[in-house]
Amino acid sequence: MSTWTKQRLDTLARASEIRVAGRRQDGSARTLVTVWHVVVDGALYVRSVYGPEGQWYRGVIRHLEGFVSWSGDTQPVTYIPDHAHDRAIDDAYFAKYGRGAPSQHITSPIAKTTTLRIEPR
């Protein structure tokens, strides 16, 4: 598995949102969906605000491969369930997006069950 370059990770960290998609059986991308994301300890993380029932999450979790798009760039990726940094991820969401209702939802117990680390393929 490869890792993000510092330049790409910095660009991702500055982006206000990214778009994610799982892959279909034939390897093509499902529909890209806009999500909030954070970079913590040199890794990219996302969660489903709707928990495991979120449609994009169900599409991603099926094969744990897909795509991420930001700032005109699209990268094939692997999604890895990873709860090792949930507290730091919560803090990063609050720092990036504030403490309003949307941030409260993305840091809720149900959303935390969907924490995924994203690595480039």
C-alpha atoms as a PDB file:
ATOM      1  CA  MET A   1       0.000   0.000   0.000  1.00  0.00           C
ATOM      2  CA  SER A   2       1.333   3.428  -0.838  1.00  0.00           C
ATOM      3  CA  THR A   3       1.117   6.591   1.239  1.00  0.00           C
ATOM      4  CA  TRP A   4       0.141  10.161   0.482  1.00  0.00           C
ATOM      5  CA  THR A   5       2.903  12.543  -0.509  1.00  0.00           C
ATOM      6  CA  LYS A   6       3.302  15.514   1.819  1.00  0.00           C
ATOM      7  CA  GLN A   7       2.142  17.846  -0.959  1.00  0.00           C
ATOM      8  CA  ARG A   8      -1.064  15.862  -1.621  1.00  0.00           C
ATOM      9  CA  LEU A   9      -1.797  15.485   2.089  1.00  0.00           C
ATOM     10  CA  ASP A  10      -1.320  19.244   2.593  1.00  0.00           C
ATOM     11  CA  THR A  11      -3.704  19.933  -0.307  1.00  0.00           C
ATOM     12  CA  LEU A  12      -6.230  17.505   1.157  1.00  0.00           C
ATOM     13  CA  ALA A  13      -5.935  19.102   4.586  1.00  0.00           C
ATOM     14  CA  ARG A  14      -6.675  22.550   3.103  1.00  0.00           C
ATOM     15  CA  ALA A  15      -9.658  21.378   1.025  1.00  0.00           C
ATOM     16  CA  SER A  16     -12.963  22.171   2.722  1.00  0.00           C
ATOM     17  CA  GLU A  17     -14.601  19.019   1.354  1.00  0.00           C
ATOM     18  CA  ILE A  18     -13.701  15.995  -0.725  1.00  0.00           C
ATOM     19  CA  ARG A  19     -15.769  13.615  -2.810  1.00  0.00           C
ATOM     20  CA  VAL A  20     -15.636   9.870  -2.196  1.00  0.00           C
ATOM     21  CA  ALA A  21     -16.968   6.815  -3.985  1.00  0.00           C
ATOM     22  CA  GLY A  22     -16.697   3.081  -3.747  1.00  0.00           C
ATOM     23  CA  ARG A  23     -15.949   0.940  -6.763  1.00  0.00           C
ATOM     24  CA  ARG A  24     -18.347  -1.253  -8.646  1.00  0.00           C
ATOM     25  CA  GLN A  25     -17.694  -4.932  -9.327  1.00  0.00           C
ATOM     26  CA  ASP A  26     -16.178  -3.986 -12.730  1.00  0.00           C
ATOM     27  CA  GLY A  27     -13.779  -1.531 -11.032  1.00  0.00           C
ATOM     28  CA  SER A  28     -15.521   1.642 -12.204  1.00  0.00           C
ATOM     29  CA  ALA A  29     -16.430   4.387  -9.741  1.00  0.00           C
ATOM     30  CA  ARG A  30     -19.793   4.612  -8.057  1.00  0.00           C
ATOM     31  CA  THR A  31     -21.228   8.137  -7.838  1.00  0.00           C
ATOM     32  CA  LEU A  32     -18.896  10.556  -6.045  1.00  0.00           C
ATOM     33  CA  VAL A  33     -20.446  12.082  -2.918  1.00  0.00           C
ATOM     34  CA  THR A  34     -19.254  15.173  -1.044  1.00  0.00           C
ATOM     35  CA  VAL A  35     -18.094  14.520   2.533  1.00  0.00           C
ATOM     36  CA  TRP A  36     -16.196  16.245   5.301  1.00  0.00           C
ATOM     37  CA  HIS A  37     -12.742  14.898   6.043  1.00  0.00           C
ATOM     38  CA  VAL A  38      -9.774  15.505   8.309  1.00  0.00           C
ATOM     39  CA  VAL A  39      -6.070  14.786   8.319  1.00  0.00           C
ATOM     40  CA  VAL A  40      -4.735  13.413  11.611  1.00  0.00           C
ATOM     41  CA  ASP A  41      -1.182  12.218  12.241  1.00  0.00           C
ATOM     42  CA  GLY A  42      -0.396  12.162   8.531  1.00  0.00           C
ATOM     43  CA  ALA A  43      -3.487  10.167   7.543  1.00  0.00           C
ATOM     44  CA  LEU A  44      -6.760  11.068   5.801  1.00  0.00           C
ATOM     45  CA  TYR A  45     -10.017  10.134   7.572  1.00  0.00           C
ATOM     46  CA  VAL A  46     -13.730  10.280   6.742  1.00  0.00           C
ATOM     47  CA  ARG A  47     -16.950   9.272   8.475  1.00  0.00           C
ATOM     48  CA  SER A  48     -20.535   8.847   7.408  1.00  0.00           C
ATOM     49  CA  VAL A  49     -22.756  11.371   9.163  1.00  0.00           C
ATOM     50  CA  TYR A  50     -25.610   8.840   8.755  1.00  0.00           C
ATOM     51  CA  GLY A  51     -23.564   6.020  10.248  1.00  0.00           C
ATOM     52  CA  PRO A  52     -23.515   2.589   8.578  1.00  0.00           C
ATOM     53  CA  GLU A  53     -26.785   3.368   6.764  1.00  0.00           C
ATOM     54  CA  GLY A  54     -25.198   6.176   4.718  1.00  0.00           C
ATOM     55  CA  GLN A  55     -25.431   5.251   1.058  1.00  0.00           C
ATOM     56  CA  TRP A  56     -21.880   6.261   0.125  1.00  0.00           C
ATOM     57  CA  TYR A  57     -20.560   4.344   3.132  1.00  0.00           C
ATOM     58  CA  ARG A  58     -22.404   1.165   2.120  1.00  0.00           C
ATOM     59  CA  GLY A  59     -20.922   1.481  -1.369  1.00  0.00           C
ATOM     60  CA  VAL A  60     -17.403   1.971  -0.013  1.00  0.00           C
ATOM     61  CA  ILE A  61     -17.524  -0.761   2.616  1.00  0.00           C
ATOM     62  CA  ARG A  62     -18.549  -3.384   0.050  1.00  0.00           C
ATOM     63  CA  HIS A  63     -15.071  -3.653  -1.532  1.00  0.00           C
ATOM     64  CA  LEU A  64     -13.054  -1.207   0.622  1.00  0.00           C
ATOM     65  CA  GLU A  65     -11.723   0.315  -2.587  1.00  0.00           C
ATOM     66  CA  GLY A  66     -12.818   3.313  -4.561  1.00  0.00           C
ATOM     67  CA  PHE A  67     -11.917   6.873  -5.370  1.00  0.00           C
ATOM     68  CA  VAL A  68     -11.357  10.269  -3.747  1.00  0.00           C
ATOM     69  CA  SER A  69     -11.655  13.525  -5.661  1.00  0.00           C
ATOM     70  CA  TRP A  70     -10.561  17.024  -4.571  1.00  0.00           C
ATOM     71  CA  SER A  71      -9.367  20.209  -6.263  1.00  0.00           C
ATOM     72  CA  GLY A  72      -9.693  18.680  -9.733  1.00  0.00           C
ATOM     73  CA  ASP A  73      -7.696  15.561  -8.820  1.00  0.00           C
ATOM     74  CA  THR A  74      -9.066  12.021  -8.528  1.00  0.00           C
ATOM     75  CA  GLN A  75      -7.122   9.234  -6.836  1.00  0.00           C
ATOM     76  CA  PRO A  76      -7.890   5.503  -6.600  1.00  0.00           C
ATOM     77  CA  VAL A  77      -7.864   4.597  -2.908  1.00  0.00           C
ATOM     78  CA  THR A  78      -8.270   1.889  -0.307  1.00  0.00           C
ATOM     79  CA  TYR A  79     -10.598   2.461   2.657  1.00  0.00           C
ATOM     80  CA  ILE A  80      -9.517   0.976   5.988  1.00  0.00           C
ATOM     81  CA  PRO A  81     -11.756   0.872   9.080  1.00  0.00           C
ATOM     82  CA  ASP A  82      -9.613   2.510  11.770  1.00  0.00           C
ATOM     83  CA  HIS A  83     -10.790   3.627  15.205  1.00  0.00           C
ATOM     84  CA  ALA A  84      -7.354   4.058  16.761  1.00  0.00           C
ATOM     85  CA  HIS A  85      -7.510   7.870  16.614  1.00  0.00           C
ATOM     86  CA  ASP A  86     -11.210   8.601  17.132  1.00  0.00           C
ATOM     87  CA  ARG A  87     -10.644  11.237  19.841  1.00  0.00           C
ATOM     88  CA  ALA A  88      -8.046  13.082  17.715  1.00  0.00           C
ATOM     89  CA  ILE A  89     -10.359  12.800  14.701  1.00  0.00           C
ATOM     90  CA  ASP A  90     -13.212  14.351  16.720  1.00  0.00           C
ATOM     91  CA  ASP A  91     -10.906  17.200  17.750  1.00  0.00           C
ATOM     92  CA  ALA A  92      -9.793  17.690  14.137  1.00  0.00           C
ATOM     93  CA  TYR A  93     -13.415  17.861  12.912  1.00  0.00           C
ATOM     94  CA  PHE A  94     -14.221  20.501  15.562  1.00  0.00           C
ATOM     95  CA  ALA A  95     -11.079  22.494  14.720  1.00  0.00           C
ATOM     96  CA  LYS A  96     -11.781  22.417  10.988  1.00  0.00           C
ATOM     97  CA  TYR A  97     -15.569  22.787  10.887  1.00  0.00           C
ATOM     98  CA  GLY A  98     -16.504  24.401  14.223  1.00  0.00           C
ATOM     99  CA  ARG A  99     -18.722  23.049  16.989  1.00  0.00           C
ATOM    100  CA  GLY A 100     -22.128  23.461  15.322  1.00  0.00           C
ATOM    101  CA  ALA A 101     -24.757  20.810  14.706  1.00  0.00           C
ATOM    102  CA  PRO A 102     -23.042  19.315  11.614  1.00  0.00           C
ATOM    103  CA  SER A 103     -19.835  18.710  13.592  1.00  0.00           C
ATOM    104  CA  GLN A 104     -21.843  17.249  16.455  1.00  0.00           C
ATOM    105  CA  HIS A 105     -23.372  14.764  13.992  1.00  0.00           C
ATOM    106  CA  ILE A 106     -20.052  13.735  12.402  1.00  0.00           C
ATOM    107  CA  THR A 107     -18.598  13.119  15.880  1.00  0.00           C
ATOM    108  CA  SER A 108     -21.645  11.227  17.203  1.00  0.00           C
ATOM    109  CA  PRO A 109     -21.326   7.627  18.418  1.00  0.00           C
ATOM    110  CA  ILE A 110     -23.122   6.309  15.299  1.00  0.00           C
ATOM    111  CA  ALA A 111     -20.835   8.261  12.927  1.00  0.00           C
ATOM    112  CA  LYS A 112     -17.749   7.075  14.818  1.00  0.00           C
ATOM    113  CA  THR A 113     -18.629   3.487  13.923  1.00  0.00           C
ATOM    114  CA  THR A 114     -17.843   4.383  10.302  1.00  0.00           C
ATOM    115  CA  THR A 115     -14.381   5.932  10.739  1.00  0.00           C
ATOM    116  CA  LEU A 116     -12.307   5.105   7.663  1.00  0.00           C
ATOM    117  CA  ARG A 117      -8.659   5.876   6.932  1.00  0.00           C
ATOM    118  CA  ILE A 118      -8.082   6.483   3.240  1.00  0.00           C
ATOM    119  CA  GLU A 119      -4.824   5.404   1.583  1.00  0.00           C
ATOM    120  CA  PRO A 120      -3.880   5.893  -2.075  1.00  0.00           C
ATOM    121  CA  ARG A 121      -3.630   2.807  -4.313  1.00  0.00           C
END
